[in-house]
Structure formats: structure tokens, C-alpha cells
Amino acid sequence: MAVTDVAGMVLQVGQIAVWLKAAGIAAVIWLIFESIALWLNYKRWRDVGNIKEDMKRLEGKLDRILKKR
């Protein structure tokens, strides 16, 4: 009787381990996708910053041109 109880407990622990393994794999995949998204958003944010700097420079040049008139 004790052997079947131990076997049942081992099976339950095994099932919990399978679920934990699946949750761990899902978490790792989610982390990979999030890090890729963060990297892409950083590149886009940097490009937007460069565009803003270019626009400020162009606005300054336009202001100087319009003041000369």
C-alpha cells in the first residue's frame, strides 16, 4: 500500500515538474521577444531623436533666411 502511495506522489511531482518546465520555456520565449522589441524600439527612438535634431537645425536656418528678408 505504501508503494502505490509513493508512486502516486512521484507521478504528481512529475506532472508539476512538466508544468513548471513548460512555464519556464514560455517565460524564456517571452523574454526573448520582449528584448527584441525593446531593442527595435530603442533604434526607432534614436532615429526619431536624430530627426528632431535635423528639424531644429532646419528651423534655425529657415528663421535666419526669413529674418534676412
PDB file of N, CA and C in Angstrom:
ATOM      1  N   MET A   1       0.814  -1.193   0.000  1.00  0.00           N
ATOM      2  CA  MET A   1       0.000   0.000   0.000  1.00  0.00           C
ATOM      3  C   MET A   1       0.862   1.262   0.000  1.00  0.00           C
ATOM      4  N   ALA A   2       1.947   1.234   0.696  1.00  0.00           N
ATOM      5  CA  ALA A   2       2.824   2.396   0.769  1.00  0.00           C
ATOM      6  C   ALA A   2       3.535   2.630  -0.555  1.00  0.00           C
ATOM      7  N   VAL A   3       3.806   1.559  -1.290  1.00  0.00           N
ATOM      8  CA  VAL A   3       4.494   1.696  -2.569  1.00  0.00           C
ATOM      9  C   VAL A   3       3.616   2.434  -3.565  1.00  0.00           C
ATOM     10  N   THR A   4       2.323   2.150  -3.584  1.00  0.00           N
ATOM     11  CA  THR A   4       1.428   2.827  -4.524  1.00  0.00           C
ATOM     12  C   THR A   4       1.258   4.291  -4.143  1.00  0.00           C
ATOM     13  N   ASP A   5       1.252   4.590  -2.848  1.00  0.00           N
ATOM     14  CA  ASP A   5       1.156   5.987  -2.427  1.00  0.00           C
ATOM     15  C   ASP A   5       2.394   6.769  -2.862  1.00  0.00           C
ATOM     16  N   VAL A   6       3.547   6.167  -2.708  1.00  0.00           N
ATOM     17  CA  VAL A   6       4.794   6.821  -3.117  1.00  0.00           C
ATOM     18  C   VAL A   6       4.813   6.986  -4.633  1.00  0.00           C
ATOM     19  N   ALA A   7       4.358   5.962  -5.352  1.00  0.00           N
ATOM     20  CA  ALA A   7       4.324   6.044  -6.814  1.00  0.00           C
ATOM     21  C   ALA A   7       3.370   7.145  -7.259  1.00  0.00           C
ATOM     22  N   GLY A   8       2.246   7.271  -6.595  1.00  0.00           N
ATOM     23  CA  GLY A   8       1.300   8.337  -6.925  1.00  0.00           C
ATOM     24  C   GLY A   8       1.873   9.705  -6.650  1.00  0.00           C
ATOM     25  N   MET A   9       2.589   9.826  -5.544  1.00  0.00           N
ATOM     26  CA  MET A   9       3.214  11.110  -5.221  1.00  0.00           C
ATOM     27  C   MET A   9       4.295  11.456  -6.232  1.00  0.00           C
ATOM     28  N   VAL A  10       5.055  10.465  -6.655  1.00  0.00           N
ATOM     29  CA  VAL A  10       6.100  10.699  -7.652  1.00  0.00           C
ATOM     30  C   VAL A  10       5.473  11.141  -8.972  1.00  0.00           C
ATOM     31  N   LEU A  11       4.354  10.526  -9.344  1.00  0.00           N
ATOM     32  CA  LEU A  11       3.672  10.925 -10.574  1.00  0.00           C
ATOM     33  C   LEU A  11       3.150  12.361 -10.474  1.00  0.00           C
ATOM     34  N   GLN A  12       2.623  12.724  -9.316  1.00  0.00           N
ATOM     35  CA  GLN A  12       2.131  14.091  -9.139  1.00  0.00           C
ATOM     36  C   GLN A  12       3.281  15.098  -9.196  1.00  0.00           C
ATOM     37  N   VAL A  13       4.372  14.787  -8.575  1.00  0.00           N
ATOM     38  CA  VAL A  13       5.540  15.668  -8.619  1.00  0.00           C
ATOM     39  C   VAL A  13       6.057  15.767 -10.050  1.00  0.00           C
ATOM     40  N   GLY A  14       6.033  14.653 -10.771  1.00  0.00           N
ATOM     41  CA  GLY A  14       6.456  14.663 -12.168  1.00  0.00           C
ATOM     42  C   GLY A  14       5.575  15.543 -13.021  1.00  0.00           C
ATOM     43  N   GLN A  15       4.263  15.514 -12.777  1.00  0.00           N
ATOM     44  CA  GLN A  15       3.346  16.352 -13.540  1.00  0.00           C
ATOM     45  C   GLN A  15       3.584  17.831 -13.216  1.00  0.00           C
ATOM     46  N   ILE A  16       3.824  18.126 -11.953  1.00  0.00           N
ATOM     47  CA  ILE A  16       4.127  19.511 -11.571  1.00  0.00           C
ATOM     48  C   ILE A  16       5.416  19.967 -12.239  1.00  0.00           C
ATOM     49  N   ALA A  17       6.391  19.087 -12.311  1.00  0.00           N
ATOM     50  CA  ALA A  17       7.668  19.434 -12.942  1.00  0.00           C
ATOM     51  C   ALA A  17       7.487  19.722 -14.424  1.00  0.00           C
ATOM     52  N   VAL A  18       6.618  18.959 -15.082  1.00  0.00           N
ATOM     53  CA  VAL A  18       6.349  19.196 -16.504  1.00  0.00           C
ATOM     54  C   VAL A  18       5.708  20.567 -16.688  1.00  0.00           C
ATOM     55  N   TRP A  19       4.749  20.912 -15.821  1.00  0.00           N
ATOM     56  CA  TRP A  19       4.122  22.225 -15.917  1.00  0.00           C
ATOM     57  C   TRP A  19       5.120  23.349 -15.643  1.00  0.00           C
ATOM     58  N   LEU A  20       5.974  23.153 -14.664  1.00  0.00           N
ATOM     59  CA  LEU A  20       6.988  24.173 -14.381  1.00  0.00           C
ATOM     60  C   LEU A  20       7.966  24.323 -15.534  1.00  0.00           C
ATOM     61  N   LYS A  21       8.316  23.227 -16.157  1.00  0.00           N
ATOM     62  CA  LYS A  21       9.227  23.279 -17.308  1.00  0.00           C
ATOM     63  C   LYS A  21       8.571  24.031 -18.456  1.00  0.00           C
ATOM     64  N   ALA A  22       7.280  23.745 -18.703  1.00  0.00           N
ATOM     65  CA  ALA A  22       6.564  24.442 -19.775  1.00  0.00           C
ATOM     66  C   ALA A  22       6.453  25.936 -19.464  1.00  0.00           C
ATOM     67  N   ALA A  23       6.183  26.270 -18.206  1.00  0.00           N
ATOM     68  CA  ALA A  23       6.090  27.679 -17.827  1.00  0.00           C
ATOM     69  C   ALA A  23       7.449  28.363 -17.977  1.00  0.00           C
ATOM     70  N   GLY A  24       8.522  27.661 -17.649  1.00  0.00           N
ATOM     71  CA  GLY A  24       9.860  28.227 -17.800  1.00  0.00           C
ATOM     72  C   GLY A  24      10.210  28.478 -19.255  1.00  0.00           C
ATOM     73  N   ILE A  25       9.854  27.537 -20.115  1.00  0.00           N
ATOM     74  CA  ILE A  25      10.118  27.709 -21.555  1.00  0.00           C
ATOM     75  C   ILE A  25       9.315  28.885 -22.092  1.00  0.00           C
ATOM     76  N   ALA A  26       8.047  28.978 -21.668  1.00  0.00           N
ATOM     77  CA  ALA A  26       7.222  30.104 -22.112  1.00  0.00           C
ATOM     78  C   ALA A  26       7.806  31.430 -21.630  1.00  0.00           C
ATOM     79  N   ALA A  27       8.302  31.461 -20.401  1.00  0.00           N
ATOM     80  CA  ALA A  27       8.884  32.689 -19.870  1.00  0.00           C
ATOM     81  C   ALA A  27      10.152  33.081 -20.639  1.00  0.00           C
ATOM     82  N   VAL A  28      10.966  32.112 -20.987  1.00  0.00           N
ATOM     83  CA  VAL A  28      12.196  32.400 -21.740  1.00  0.00           C
ATOM     84  C   VAL A  28      11.863  32.919 -23.135  1.00  0.00           C
ATOM     85  N   ILE A  29      10.887  32.305 -23.784  1.00  0.00           N
ATOM     86  CA  ILE A  29      10.484  32.767 -25.123  1.00  0.00           C
ATOM     87  C   ILE A  29       9.925  34.183 -25.035  1.00  0.00           C
ATOM     88  N   TRP A  30       9.092  34.448 -24.010  1.00  0.00           N
ATOM     89  CA  TRP A  30       8.531  35.789 -23.828  1.00  0.00           C
ATOM     90  C   TRP A  30       9.645  36.803 -23.598  1.00  0.00           C
ATOM     91  N   LEU A  31      10.638  36.436 -22.796  1.00  0.00           N
ATOM     92  CA  LEU A  31      11.757  37.330 -22.518  1.00  0.00           C
ATOM     93  C   LEU A  31      12.554  37.631 -23.783  1.00  0.00           C
ATOM     94  N   ILE A  32      12.741  36.638 -24.625  1.00  0.00           N
ATOM     95  CA  ILE A  32      13.461  36.848 -25.886  1.00  0.00           C
ATOM     96  C   ILE A  32      12.700  37.824 -26.773  1.00  0.00           C
ATOM     97  N   PHE A  33      11.382  37.613 -26.922  1.00  0.00           N
ATOM     98  CA  PHE A  33      10.587  38.508 -27.763  1.00  0.00           C
ATOM     99  C   PHE A  33      10.552  39.927 -27.203  1.00  0.00           C
ATOM    100  N   GLU A  34      10.449  40.064 -25.890  1.00  0.00           N
ATOM    101  CA  GLU A  34      10.437  41.389 -25.277  1.00  0.00           C
ATOM    102  C   GLU A  34      11.766  42.110 -25.461  1.00  0.00           C
ATOM    103  N   SER A  35      12.866  41.381 -25.358  1.00  0.00           N
ATOM    104  CA  SER A  35      14.170  42.030 -25.540  1.00  0.00           C
ATOM    105  C   SER A  35      14.363  42.465 -26.988  1.00  0.00           C
ATOM    106  N   ILE A  36      13.880  41.676 -27.927  1.00  0.00           N
ATOM    107  CA  ILE A  36      13.955  42.077 -29.342  1.00  0.00           C
ATOM    108  C   ILE A  36      13.108  43.322 -29.575  1.00  0.00           C
ATOM    109  N   ALA A  37      11.890  43.346 -29.017  1.00  0.00           N
ATOM    110  CA  ALA A  37      11.013  44.506 -29.179  1.00  0.00           C
ATOM    111  C   ALA A  37      11.647  45.745 -28.543  1.00  0.00           C
ATOM    112  N   LEU A  38      12.257  45.590 -27.379  1.00  0.00           N
ATOM    113  CA  LEU A  38      12.913  46.712 -26.716  1.00  0.00           C
ATOM    114  C   LEU A  38      14.061  47.251 -27.557  1.00  0.00           C
ATOM    115  N   TRP A  39      14.837  46.356 -28.136  1.00  0.00           N
ATOM    116  CA  TRP A  39      15.953  46.773 -28.979  1.00  0.00           C
ATOM    117  C   TRP A  39      15.457  47.523 -30.218  1.00  0.00           C
ATOM    118  N   LEU A  40      14.400  47.006 -30.863  1.00  0.00           N
ATOM    119  CA  LEU A  40      13.857  47.678 -32.046  1.00  0.00           C
ATOM    120  C   LEU A  40      13.271  49.042 -31.686  1.00  0.00           C
ATOM    121  N   ASN A  41      12.585  49.120 -30.563  1.00  0.00           N
ATOM    122  CA  ASN A  41      12.021  50.405 -30.146  1.00  0.00           C
ATOM    123  C   ASN A  41      13.119  51.402 -29.809  1.00  0.00           C
ATOM    124  N   TYR A  42      14.227  50.928 -29.235  1.00  0.00           N
ATOM    125  CA  TYR A  42      15.341  51.826 -28.947  1.00  0.00           C
ATOM    126  C   TYR A  42      15.916  52.392 -30.237  1.00  0.00           C
ATOM    127  N   LYS A  43      16.065  51.549 -31.253  1.00  0.00           N
ATOM    128  CA  LYS A  43      16.583  52.029 -32.534  1.00  0.00           C
ATOM    129  C   LYS A  43      15.643  53.071 -33.126  1.00  0.00           C
ATOM    130  N   ARG A  44      14.335  52.823 -33.064  1.00  0.00           N
ATOM    131  CA  ARG A  44      13.367  53.776 -33.607  1.00  0.00           C
ATOM    132  C   ARG A  44      13.403  55.078 -32.829  1.00  0.00           C
ATOM    133  N   TRP A  45      13.504  54.983 -31.487  1.00  0.00           N
ATOM    134  CA  TRP A  45      13.546  56.172 -30.655  1.00  0.00           C
ATOM    135  C   TRP A  45      14.787  57.003 -30.968  1.00  0.00           C
ATOM    136  N   ARG A  46      15.912  56.333 -31.198  1.00  0.00           N
ATOM    137  CA  ARG A  46      17.147  57.028 -31.550  1.00  0.00           C
ATOM    138  C   ARG A  46      16.998  57.723 -32.898  1.00  0.00           C
ATOM    139  N   ASP A  47      16.353  57.058 -33.864  1.00  0.00           N
ATOM    140  CA  ASP A  47      16.140  57.672 -35.175  1.00  0.00           C
ATOM    141  C   ASP A  47      15.228  58.891 -35.070  1.00  0.00           C
ATOM    142  N   VAL A  48      14.197  58.798 -34.230  1.00  0.00           N
ATOM    143  CA  VAL A  48      13.305  59.941 -34.036  1.00  0.00           C
ATOM    144  C   VAL A  48      14.078  61.103 -33.424  1.00  0.00           C
ATOM    145  N   GLY A  49      14.971  60.812 -32.496  1.00  0.00           N
ATOM    146  CA  GLY A  49      15.803  61.869 -31.907  1.00  0.00           C
ATOM    147  C   GLY A  49      16.677  62.539 -32.944  1.00  0.00           C
ATOM    148  N   ASN A  50      17.233  61.755 -33.863  1.00  0.00           N
ATOM    149  CA  ASN A  50      18.051  62.331 -34.939  1.00  0.00           C
ATOM    150  C   ASN A  50      17.204  63.209 -35.848  1.00  0.00           C
ATOM    151  N   ILE A  51      15.989  62.782 -36.136  1.00  0.00           N
ATOM    152  CA  ILE A  51      15.095  63.582 -36.986  1.00  0.00           C
ATOM    153  C   ILE A  51      14.751  64.890 -36.288  1.00  0.00           C
ATOM    154  N   LYS A  52      14.519  64.832 -34.973  1.00  0.00           N
ATOM    155  CA  LYS A  52      14.212  66.064 -34.229  1.00  0.00           C
ATOM    156  C   LYS A  52      15.370  67.045 -34.297  1.00  0.00           C
ATOM    157  N   GLU A  53      16.588  66.549 -34.150  1.00  0.00           N
ATOM    158  CA  GLU A  53      17.753  67.428 -34.232  1.00  0.00           C
ATOM    159  C   GLU A  53      17.862  68.054 -35.620  1.00  0.00           C
ATOM    160  N   ASP A  54      17.621  67.270 -36.658  1.00  0.00           N
ATOM    161  CA  ASP A  54      17.662  67.797 -38.018  1.00  0.00           C
ATOM    162  C   ASP A  54      16.589  68.858 -38.222  1.00  0.00           C
ATOM    163  N   MET A  55      15.398  68.614 -37.671  1.00  0.00           N
ATOM    164  CA  MET A  55      14.318  69.593 -37.821  1.00  0.00           C
ATOM    165  C   MET A  55      14.658  70.893 -37.110  1.00  0.00           C
ATOM    166  N   LYS A  56      15.267  70.821 -35.936  1.00  0.00           N
ATOM    167  CA  LYS A  56      15.654  72.037 -35.219  1.00  0.00           C
ATOM    168  C   LYS A  56      16.682  72.824 -36.019  1.00  0.00           C
ATOM    169  N   ARG A  57      17.617  72.107 -36.616  1.00  0.00           N
ATOM    170  CA  ARG A  57      18.635  72.779 -37.426  1.00  0.00           C
ATOM    171  C   ARG A  57      17.996  73.452 -38.642  1.00  0.00           C
ATOM    172  N   LEU A  58      17.071  72.751 -39.301  1.00  0.00           N
ATOM    173  CA  LEU A  58      16.403  73.341 -40.462  1.00  0.00           C
ATOM    174  C   LEU A  58      15.546  74.540 -40.068  1.00  0.00           C
ATOM    175  N   GLU A  59      14.874  74.440 -38.919  1.00  0.00           N
ATOM    176  CA  GLU A  59      14.075  75.574 -38.466  1.00  0.00           C
ATOM    177  C   GLU A  59      14.963  76.788 -38.190  1.00  0.00           C
ATOM    178  N   GLY A  60      16.122  76.557 -37.614  1.00  0.00           N
ATOM    179  CA  GLY A  60      17.053  77.665 -37.369  1.00  0.00           C
ATOM    180  C   GLY A  60      17.508  78.307 -38.661  1.00  0.00           C
ATOM    181  N   LYS A  61      17.816  77.481 -39.652  1.00  0.00           N
ATOM    182  CA  LYS A  61      18.243  78.029 -40.941  1.00  0.00           C
ATOM    183  C   LYS A  61      17.116  78.803 -41.610  1.00  0.00           C
ATOM    184  N   LEU A  62      15.895  78.277 -41.528  1.00  0.00           N
ATOM    185  CA  LEU A  62      14.742  78.989 -42.116  1.00  0.00           C
ATOM    186  C   LEU A  62      14.505  80.317 -41.403  1.00  0.00           C
ATOM    187  N   ASP A  63      14.636  80.309 -40.087  1.00  0.00           N
ATOM    188  CA  ASP A  63      14.461  81.571 -39.341  1.00  0.00           C
ATOM    189  C   ASP A  63      15.504  82.605 -39.775  1.00  0.00           C
ATOM    190  N   ARG A  64      16.747  82.180 -39.948  1.00  0.00           N
ATOM    191  CA  ARG A  64      17.786  83.115 -40.378  1.00  0.00           C
ATOM    192  C   ARG A  64      17.510  83.640 -41.769  1.00  0.00           C
ATOM    193  N   ILE A  65      17.040  82.758 -42.664  1.00  0.00           N
ATOM    194  CA  ILE A  65      16.730  83.187 -44.034  1.00  0.00           C
ATOM    195  C   ILE A  65      15.574  84.175 -44.041  1.00  0.00           C
ATOM    196  N   LEU A  66      14.536  83.893 -43.254  1.00  0.00           N
ATOM    197  CA  LEU A  66      13.370  84.764 -43.227  1.00  0.00           C
ATOM    198  C   LEU A  66      13.674  86.102 -42.552  1.00  0.00           C
ATOM    199  N   LYS A  67      14.599  86.125 -41.592  1.00  0.00           N
ATOM    200  CA  LYS A  67      14.964  87.375 -40.943  1.00  0.00           C
ATOM    201  C   LYS A  67      15.748  88.281 -41.890  1.00  0.00           C
ATOM    202  N   LYS A  68      16.486  87.696 -42.827  1.00  0.00           N
ATOM    203  CA  LYS A  68      17.263  88.494 -43.779  1.00  0.00           C
ATOM    204  C   LYS A  68      16.355  89.231 -44.754  1.00  0.00           C
ATOM    205  N   ARG A  69      15.194  88.740 -44.991  1.00  0.00           N
ATOM    206  CA  ARG A  69      14.296  89.385 -45.959  1.00  0.00           C
ATOM    207  C   ARG A  69      13.697  90.623 -45.442  1.00  0.00           C
TER     208      ARG A  69
END
